[in-house]
Amino acid sequence: MNNVHPHDHRDVGRFDWAGQIKLAIVLSVIAAITAIALAGRVAEPVVIVGVIVVASFAGWARVQPAPQPARQLIRIPVRHR
C-alpha cells in the first residue's frame, strides 16, 4: 500500500536465511578469487586470516543490534553512622 516502504513490518524479527546464504556464496567466490590471485605472492596464513577477517566484518555488518531495555533507577538503602 505504501510505496515508500514496501516491506512488511511483521517480518522485522525474522531471520533472513536467503540473504545469509547469498552473502555466504558471494563471499566464498570472492575469497576463492582473492586466494588464487594472491597464491605465491603472499604467505598462506596471511591469506587465510585476511579472508576470515573480511568475512567476519561483512557478516557482522548485517547484524542489527537488539534494543536495550530502559534503565530503571534502584533505591539502595544507606545506613548512616
PDB file of N, CA and C in Angstrom:
ATOM      1  N   MET A   1       0.804  -1.170   0.000  1.00  0.00           N
ATOM      2  CA  MET A   1       0.000   0.000   0.000  1.00  0.00           C
ATOM      3  C   MET A   1       0.859   1.249   0.000  1.00  0.00           C
ATOM      4  N   ASN A   2       1.884   1.270   0.829  1.00  0.00           N
ATOM      5  CA  ASN A   2       2.776   2.417   0.911  1.00  0.00           C
ATOM      6  C   ASN A   2       3.987   2.145   0.023  1.00  0.00           C
ATOM      7  N   ASN A   3       4.138   2.890  -1.037  1.00  0.00           N
ATOM      8  CA  ASN A   3       5.218   2.647  -1.991  1.00  0.00           C
ATOM      9  C   ASN A   3       6.584   3.065  -1.466  1.00  0.00           C
ATOM     10  N   VAL A   4       6.617   3.958  -0.494  1.00  0.00           N
ATOM     11  CA  VAL A   4       7.896   4.406   0.042  1.00  0.00           C
ATOM     12  C   VAL A   4       8.557   3.288   0.842  1.00  0.00           C
ATOM     13  N   HIS A   5       7.783   2.573   1.650  1.00  0.00           N
ATOM     14  CA  HIS A   5       8.282   1.473   2.463  1.00  0.00           C
ATOM     15  C   HIS A   5       7.492   0.210   2.132  1.00  0.00           C
ATOM     16  N   PRO A   6       7.891  -0.517   1.097  1.00  0.00           N
ATOM     17  CA  PRO A   6       7.093  -1.664   0.671  1.00  0.00           C
ATOM     18  C   PRO A   6       7.237  -2.904   1.544  1.00  0.00           C
ATOM     19  N   HIS A   7       8.157  -2.916   2.529  1.00  0.00           N
ATOM     20  CA  HIS A   7       8.347  -4.119   3.331  1.00  0.00           C
ATOM     21  C   HIS A   7       7.236  -4.267   4.365  1.00  0.00           C
ATOM     22  N   ASP A   8       7.046  -5.481   4.796  1.00  0.00           N
ATOM     23  CA  ASP A   8       6.023  -5.811   5.778  1.00  0.00           C
ATOM     24  C   ASP A   8       6.644  -5.738   7.165  1.00  0.00           C
ATOM     25  N   HIS A   9       6.087  -4.947   8.052  1.00  0.00           N
ATOM     26  CA  HIS A   9       6.661  -4.758   9.376  1.00  0.00           C
ATOM     27  C   HIS A   9       6.529  -5.998  10.255  1.00  0.00           C
ATOM     28  N   ARG A  10       5.710  -6.950   9.877  1.00  0.00           N
ATOM     29  CA  ARG A  10       5.586  -8.169  10.658  1.00  0.00           C
ATOM     30  C   ARG A  10       6.830  -9.041  10.537  1.00  0.00           C
ATOM     31  N   ASP A  11       7.647  -8.849   9.517  1.00  0.00           N
ATOM     32  CA  ASP A  11       8.833  -9.670   9.292  1.00  0.00           C
ATOM     33  C   ASP A  11      10.090  -9.089   9.925  1.00  0.00           C
ATOM     34  N   VAL A  12       9.967  -8.073  10.783  1.00  0.00           N
ATOM     35  CA  VAL A  12      11.137  -7.389  11.330  1.00  0.00           C
ATOM     36  C   VAL A  12      11.991  -8.331  12.163  1.00  0.00           C
ATOM     37  N   GLY A  13      11.402  -9.198  12.966  1.00  0.00           N
ATOM     38  CA  GLY A  13      12.171 -10.065  13.850  1.00  0.00           C
ATOM     39  C   GLY A  13      12.607 -11.368  13.221  1.00  0.00           C
ATOM     40  N   ARG A  14      12.249 -11.639  11.989  1.00  0.00           N
ATOM     41  CA  ARG A  14      12.573 -12.918  11.362  1.00  0.00           C
ATOM     42  C   ARG A  14      13.994 -12.911  10.820  1.00  0.00           C
ATOM     43  N   PHE A  15      14.621 -14.080  10.847  1.00  0.00           N
ATOM     44  CA  PHE A  15      15.978 -14.241  10.325  1.00  0.00           C
ATOM     45  C   PHE A  15      15.906 -14.467   8.825  1.00  0.00           C
ATOM     46  N   ASP A  16      16.724 -13.754   8.073  1.00  0.00           N
ATOM     47  CA  ASP A  16      16.705 -13.828   6.608  1.00  0.00           C
ATOM     48  C   ASP A  16      17.691 -14.887   6.127  1.00  0.00           C
ATOM     49  N   TRP A  17      17.219 -16.149   6.031  1.00  0.00           N
ATOM     50  CA  TRP A  17      18.085 -17.242   5.601  1.00  0.00           C
ATOM     51  C   TRP A  17      18.567 -17.047   4.175  1.00  0.00           C
ATOM     52  N   ALA A  18      17.678 -16.630   3.294  1.00  0.00           N
ATOM     53  CA  ALA A  18      18.048 -16.459   1.885  1.00  0.00           C
ATOM     54  C   ALA A  18      19.150 -15.415   1.747  1.00  0.00           C
ATOM     55  N   GLY A  19      19.035 -14.324   2.466  1.00  0.00           N
ATOM     56  CA  GLY A  19      20.060 -13.283   2.417  1.00  0.00           C
ATOM     57  C   GLY A  19      21.393 -13.761   2.958  1.00  0.00           C
ATOM     58  N   GLN A  20      21.361 -14.547   4.030  1.00  0.00           N
ATOM     59  CA  GLN A  20      22.596 -15.051   4.611  1.00  0.00           C
ATOM     60  C   GLN A  20      23.283 -16.059   3.690  1.00  0.00           C
ATOM     61  N   ILE A  21      22.492 -16.900   3.027  1.00  0.00           N
ATOM     62  CA  ILE A  21      23.060 -17.875   2.095  1.00  0.00           C
ATOM     63  C   ILE A  21      23.670 -17.174   0.889  1.00  0.00           C
ATOM     64  N   LYS A  22      22.984 -16.159   0.371  1.00  0.00           N
ATOM     65  CA  LYS A  22      23.529 -15.389  -0.752  1.00  0.00           C
ATOM     66  C   LYS A  22      24.836 -14.712  -0.349  1.00  0.00           C
ATOM     67  N   LEU A  23      24.869 -14.137   0.838  1.00  0.00           N
ATOM     68  CA  LEU A  23      26.087 -13.493   1.328  1.00  0.00           C
ATOM     69  C   LEU A  23      27.222 -14.504   1.439  1.00  0.00           C
ATOM     70  N   ALA A  24      26.935 -15.698   1.961  1.00  0.00           N
ATOM     71  CA  ALA A  24      27.961 -16.729   2.109  1.00  0.00           C
ATOM     72  C   ALA A  24      28.509 -17.168   0.755  1.00  0.00           C
ATOM     73  N   ILE A  25      27.631 -17.316  -0.232  1.00  0.00           N
ATOM     74  CA  ILE A  25      28.081 -17.727  -1.571  1.00  0.00           C
ATOM     75  C   ILE A  25      28.949 -16.649  -2.202  1.00  0.00           C
ATOM     76  N   VAL A  26      28.497 -15.411  -2.124  1.00  0.00           N
ATOM     77  CA  VAL A  26      29.261 -14.306  -2.720  1.00  0.00           C
ATOM     78  C   VAL A  26      30.626 -14.174  -2.045  1.00  0.00           C
ATOM     79  N   LEU A  27      30.641 -14.246  -0.708  1.00  0.00           N
ATOM     80  CA  LEU A  27      31.924 -14.134  -0.003  1.00  0.00           C
ATOM     81  C   LEU A  27      32.849 -15.309  -0.311  1.00  0.00           C
ATOM     82  N   SER A  28      32.288 -16.488  -0.506  1.00  0.00           N
ATOM     83  CA  SER A  28      33.112 -17.649  -0.856  1.00  0.00           C
ATOM     84  C   SER A  28      33.749 -17.488  -2.224  1.00  0.00           C
ATOM     85  N   VAL A  29      32.986 -16.989  -3.182  1.00  0.00           N
ATOM     86  CA  VAL A  29      33.527 -16.766  -4.528  1.00  0.00           C
ATOM     87  C   VAL A  29      34.613 -15.701  -4.492  1.00  0.00           C
ATOM     88  N   ILE A  30      34.355 -14.618  -3.776  1.00  0.00           N
ATOM     89  CA  ILE A  30      35.361 -13.550  -3.671  1.00  0.00           C
ATOM     90  C   ILE A  30      36.616 -14.057  -2.973  1.00  0.00           C
ATOM     91  N   ALA A  31      36.444 -14.860  -1.913  1.00  0.00           N
ATOM     92  CA  ALA A  31      37.589 -15.408  -1.195  1.00  0.00           C
ATOM     93  C   ALA A  31      38.408 -16.333  -2.086  1.00  0.00           C
ATOM     94  N   ALA A  32      37.734 -17.149  -2.892  1.00  0.00           N
ATOM     95  CA  ALA A  32      38.445 -18.063  -3.794  1.00  0.00           C
ATOM     96  C   ALA A  32      39.227 -17.289  -4.848  1.00  0.00           C
ATOM     97  N   ILE A  33      38.613 -16.285  -5.429  1.00  0.00           N
ATOM     98  CA  ILE A  33      39.300 -15.468  -6.453  1.00  0.00           C
ATOM     99  C   ILE A  33      40.496 -14.754  -5.838  1.00  0.00           C
ATOM    100  N   THR A  34      40.311 -14.198  -4.645  1.00  0.00           N
ATOM    101  CA  THR A  34      41.409 -13.494  -3.975  1.00  0.00           C
ATOM    102  C   THR A  34      42.539 -14.446  -3.621  1.00  0.00           C
ATOM    103  N   ALA A  35      42.203 -15.633  -3.116  1.00  0.00           N
ATOM    104  CA  ALA A  35      43.240 -16.612  -2.758  1.00  0.00           C
ATOM    105  C   ALA A  35      44.025 -17.055  -3.980  1.00  0.00           C
ATOM    106  N   ILE A  36      43.338 -17.258  -5.094  1.00  0.00           N
ATOM    107  CA  ILE A  36      44.031 -17.647  -6.333  1.00  0.00           C
ATOM    108  C   ILE A  36      44.936 -16.517  -6.816  1.00  0.00           C
ATOM    109  N   ALA A  37      44.445 -15.288  -6.731  1.00  0.00           N
ATOM    110  CA  ALA A  37      45.241 -14.139  -7.187  1.00  0.00           C
ATOM    111  C   ALA A  37      46.476 -13.917  -6.315  1.00  0.00           C
ATOM    112  N   LEU A  38      46.357 -14.204  -5.020  1.00  0.00           N
ATOM    113  CA  LEU A  38      47.477 -13.957  -4.103  1.00  0.00           C
ATOM    114  C   LEU A  38      48.379 -15.168  -3.901  1.00  0.00           C
ATOM    115  N   ALA A  39      48.038 -16.297  -4.506  1.00  0.00           N
ATOM    116  CA  ALA A  39      48.843 -17.508  -4.342  1.00  0.00           C
ATOM    117  C   ALA A  39      50.261 -17.277  -4.850  1.00  0.00           C
ATOM    118  N   GLY A  40      51.219 -17.588  -4.022  1.00  0.00           N
ATOM    119  CA  GLY A  40      52.622 -17.429  -4.397  1.00  0.00           C
ATOM    120  C   GLY A  40      53.175 -16.044  -4.109  1.00  0.00           C
ATOM    121  N   ARG A  41      52.306 -15.068  -3.875  1.00  0.00           N
ATOM    122  CA  ARG A  41      52.763 -13.691  -3.601  1.00  0.00           C
ATOM    123  C   ARG A  41      52.724 -13.376  -2.117  1.00  0.00           C
ATOM    124  N   VAL A  42      51.738 -13.955  -1.434  1.00  0.00           N
ATOM    125  CA  VAL A  42      51.554 -13.691  -0.008  1.00  0.00           C
ATOM    126  C   VAL A  42      51.522 -15.043   0.704  1.00  0.00           C
ATOM    127  N   ALA A  43      52.023 -15.071   1.927  1.00  0.00           N
ATOM    128  CA  ALA A  43      52.035 -16.316   2.692  1.00  0.00           C
ATOM    129  C   ALA A  43      50.608 -16.824   2.912  1.00  0.00           C
ATOM    130  N   GLU A  44      50.469 -18.140   2.884  1.00  0.00           N
ATOM    131  CA  GLU A  44      49.144 -18.760   3.011  1.00  0.00           C
ATOM    132  C   GLU A  44      48.415 -18.380   4.303  1.00  0.00           C
ATOM    133  N   PRO A  45      49.091 -18.360   5.460  1.00  0.00           N
ATOM    134  CA  PRO A  45      48.377 -17.962   6.685  1.00  0.00           C
ATOM    135  C   PRO A  45      47.821 -16.539   6.620  1.00  0.00           C
ATOM    136  N   VAL A  46      48.531 -15.650   5.950  1.00  0.00           N
ATOM    137  CA  VAL A  46      48.061 -14.269   5.819  1.00  0.00           C
ATOM    138  C   VAL A  46      46.784 -14.221   4.991  1.00  0.00           C
ATOM    139  N   VAL A  47      46.723 -15.004   3.915  1.00  0.00           N
ATOM    140  CA  VAL A  47      45.530 -15.053   3.074  1.00  0.00           C
ATOM    141  C   VAL A  47      44.357 -15.620   3.869  1.00  0.00           C
ATOM    142  N   ILE A  48      44.592 -16.677   4.625  1.00  0.00           N
ATOM    143  CA  ILE A  48      43.523 -17.312   5.396  1.00  0.00           C
ATOM    144  C   ILE A  48      42.981 -16.354   6.453  1.00  0.00           C
ATOM    145  N   VAL A  49      43.861 -15.728   7.208  1.00  0.00           N
ATOM    146  CA  VAL A  49      43.421 -14.791   8.247  1.00  0.00           C
ATOM    147  C   VAL A  49      42.713 -13.591   7.611  1.00  0.00           C
ATOM    148  N   GLY A  50      43.216 -13.110   6.505  1.00  0.00           N
ATOM    149  CA  GLY A  50      42.575 -11.991   5.817  1.00  0.00           C
ATOM    150  C   GLY A  50      41.166 -12.326   5.358  1.00  0.00           C
ATOM    151  N   VAL A  51      40.992 -13.518   4.815  1.00  0.00           N
ATOM    152  CA  VAL A  51      39.657 -13.940   4.377  1.00  0.00           C
ATOM    153  C   VAL A  51      38.713 -14.038   5.576  1.00  0.00           C
ATOM    154  N   ILE A  52      39.186 -14.592   6.675  1.00  0.00           N
ATOM    155  CA  ILE A  52      38.352 -14.711   7.871  1.00  0.00           C
ATOM    156  C   ILE A  52      37.958 -13.336   8.403  1.00  0.00           C
ATOM    157  N   VAL A  53      38.901 -12.417   8.452  1.00  0.00           N
ATOM    158  CA  VAL A  53      38.624 -11.067   8.963  1.00  0.00           C
ATOM    159  C   VAL A  53      37.612 -10.344   8.079  1.00  0.00           C
ATOM    160  N   VAL A  54      37.819 -10.378   6.775  1.00  0.00           N
ATOM    161  CA  VAL A  54      36.910  -9.682   5.863  1.00  0.00           C
ATOM    162  C   VAL A  54      35.506 -10.297   5.913  1.00  0.00           C
ATOM    163  N   ALA A  55      35.426 -11.625   5.947  1.00  0.00           N
ATOM    164  CA  ALA A  55      34.117 -12.287   6.023  1.00  0.00           C
ATOM    165  C   ALA A  55      33.428 -11.977   7.349  1.00  0.00           C
ATOM    166  N   SER A  56      34.194 -11.890   8.428  1.00  0.00           N
ATOM    167  CA  SER A  56      33.609 -11.549   9.727  1.00  0.00           C
ATOM    168  C   SER A  56      33.040 -10.141   9.718  1.00  0.00           C
ATOM    169  N   PHE A  57      33.796  -9.194   9.162  1.00  0.00           N
ATOM    170  CA  PHE A  57      33.287  -7.826   9.079  1.00  0.00           C
ATOM    171  C   PHE A  57      32.020  -7.755   8.235  1.00  0.00           C
ATOM    172  N   ALA A  58      32.006  -8.449   7.127  1.00  0.00           N
ATOM    173  CA  ALA A  58      30.821  -8.441   6.264  1.00  0.00           C
ATOM    174  C   ALA A  58      29.626  -9.072   6.967  1.00  0.00           C
ATOM    175  N   GLY A  59      29.862 -10.137   7.694  1.00  0.00           N
ATOM    176  CA  GLY A  59      28.773 -10.780   8.416  1.00  0.00           C
ATOM    177  C   GLY A  59      28.242  -9.932   9.558  1.00  0.00           C
ATOM    178  N   TRP A  60      29.147  -9.336  10.337  1.00  0.00           N
ATOM    179  CA  TRP A  60      28.720  -8.519  11.465  1.00  0.00           C
ATOM    180  C   TRP A  60      28.074  -7.221  11.013  1.00  0.00           C
ATOM    181  N   ALA A  61      28.402  -6.753   9.815  1.00  0.00           N
ATOM    182  CA  ALA A  61      27.787  -5.525   9.310  1.00  0.00           C
ATOM    183  C   ALA A  61      26.297  -5.712   9.081  1.00  0.00           C
ATOM    184  N   ARG A  62      25.874  -6.942   8.865  1.00  0.00           N
ATOM    185  CA  ARG A  62      24.458  -7.223   8.615  1.00  0.00           C
ATOM    186  C   ARG A  62      23.662  -7.445   9.894  1.00  0.00           C
ATOM    187  N   VAL A  63      24.337  -7.551  11.036  1.00  0.00           N
ATOM    188  CA  VAL A  63      23.653  -7.807  12.294  1.00  0.00           C
ATOM    189  C   VAL A  63      23.050  -6.515  12.818  1.00  0.00           C
ATOM    190  N   GLN A  64      21.797  -6.594  13.194  1.00  0.00           N
ATOM    191  CA  GLN A  64      21.124  -5.439  13.771  1.00  0.00           C
ATOM    192  C   GLN A  64      21.136  -5.588  15.283  1.00  0.00           C
ATOM    193  N   PRO A  65      21.612  -4.569  15.998  1.00  0.00           N
ATOM    194  CA  PRO A  65      21.656  -4.688  17.455  1.00  0.00           C
ATOM    195  C   PRO A  65      20.254  -4.775  18.046  1.00  0.00           C
ATOM    196  N   ALA A  66      20.121  -5.571  19.084  1.00  0.00           N
ATOM    197  CA  ALA A  66      18.836  -5.704  19.767  1.00  0.00           C
ATOM    198  C   ALA A  66      18.580  -4.453  20.596  1.00  0.00           C
ATOM    199  N   PRO A  67      17.337  -4.040  20.697  1.00  0.00           N
ATOM    200  CA  PRO A  67      17.045  -2.859  21.517  1.00  0.00           C
ATOM    201  C   PRO A  67      17.364  -3.141  22.990  1.00  0.00           C
ATOM    202  N   GLN A  68      17.959  -2.182  23.635  1.00  0.00           N
ATOM    203  CA  GLN A  68      18.329  -2.322  25.035  1.00  0.00           C
ATOM    204  C   GLN A  68      17.148  -1.930  25.918  1.00  0.00           C
ATOM    205  N   PRO A  69      16.941  -2.656  27.002  1.00  0.00           N
ATOM    206  CA  PRO A  69      15.847  -2.280  27.906  1.00  0.00           C
ATOM    207  C   PRO A  69      16.132  -0.938  28.563  1.00  0.00           C
ATOM    208  N   ALA A  70      15.071  -0.224  28.889  1.00  0.00           N
ATOM    209  CA  ALA A  70      15.227   1.087  29.523  1.00  0.00           C
ATOM    210  C   ALA A  70      15.837   0.908  30.910  1.00  0.00           C
ATOM    211  N   ARG A  71      16.710   1.803  31.272  1.00  0.00           N
ATOM    212  CA  ARG A  71      17.331   1.739  32.590  1.00  0.00           C
ATOM    213  C   ARG A  71      16.321   2.169  33.648  1.00  0.00           C
ATOM    214  N   GLN A  72      16.352   1.479  34.773  1.00  0.00           N
ATOM    215  CA  GLN A  72      15.487   1.821  35.882  1.00  0.00           C
ATOM    216  C   GLN A  72      16.354   2.130  37.090  1.00  0.00           C
ATOM    217  N   LEU A  73      16.001   3.208  37.768  1.00  0.00           N
ATOM    218  CA  LEU A  73      16.741   3.572  38.971  1.00  0.00           C
ATOM    219  C   LEU A  73      16.315   2.671  40.114  1.00  0.00           C
ATOM    220  N   ILE A  74      17.278   2.226  40.883  1.00  0.00           N
ATOM    221  CA  ILE A  74      17.020   1.359  42.015  1.00  0.00           C
ATOM    222  C   ILE A  74      17.434   2.103  43.276  1.00  0.00           C
ATOM    223  N   ARG A  75      16.533   2.159  44.240  1.00  0.00           N
ATOM    224  CA  ARG A  75      16.872   2.794  45.509  1.00  0.00           C
ATOM    225  C   ARG A  75      17.599   1.802  46.402  1.00  0.00           C
ATOM    226  N   ILE A  76      18.755   2.201  46.874  1.00  0.00           N
ATOM    227  CA  ILE A  76      19.559   1.364  47.751  1.00  0.00           C
ATOM    228  C   ILE A  76      19.572   2.032  49.127  1.00  0.00           C
ATOM    229  N   PRO A  77      19.111   1.320  50.142  1.00  0.00           N
ATOM    230  CA  PRO A  77      19.121   1.919  51.472  1.00  0.00           C
ATOM    231  C   PRO A  77      20.562   2.127  51.965  1.00  0.00           C
ATOM    232  N   VAL A  78      20.810   3.280  52.521  1.00  0.00           N
ATOM    233  CA  VAL A  78      22.145   3.616  53.030  1.00  0.00           C
ATOM    234  C   VAL A  78      22.031   3.855  54.518  1.00  0.00           C
ATOM    235  N   ARG A  79      22.879   3.151  55.265  1.00  0.00           N
ATOM    236  CA  ARG A  79      22.895   3.356  56.721  1.00  0.00           C
ATOM    237  C   ARG A  79      23.955   4.396  57.047  1.00  0.00           C
ATOM    238  N   HIS A  80      23.537   5.431  57.777  1.00  0.00           N
ATOM    239  CA  HIS A  80      24.478   6.455  58.207  1.00  0.00           C
ATOM    240  C   HIS A  80      24.924   6.125  59.631  1.00  0.00           C
ATOM    241  N   ARG A  81      26.181   6.330  59.927  1.00  0.00           N
ATOM    242  CA  ARG A  81      26.703   6.027  61.269  1.00  0.00           C
ATOM    243  C   ARG A  81      26.698   7.245  62.120  1.00  0.00           C
TER     244      ARG A  81
END
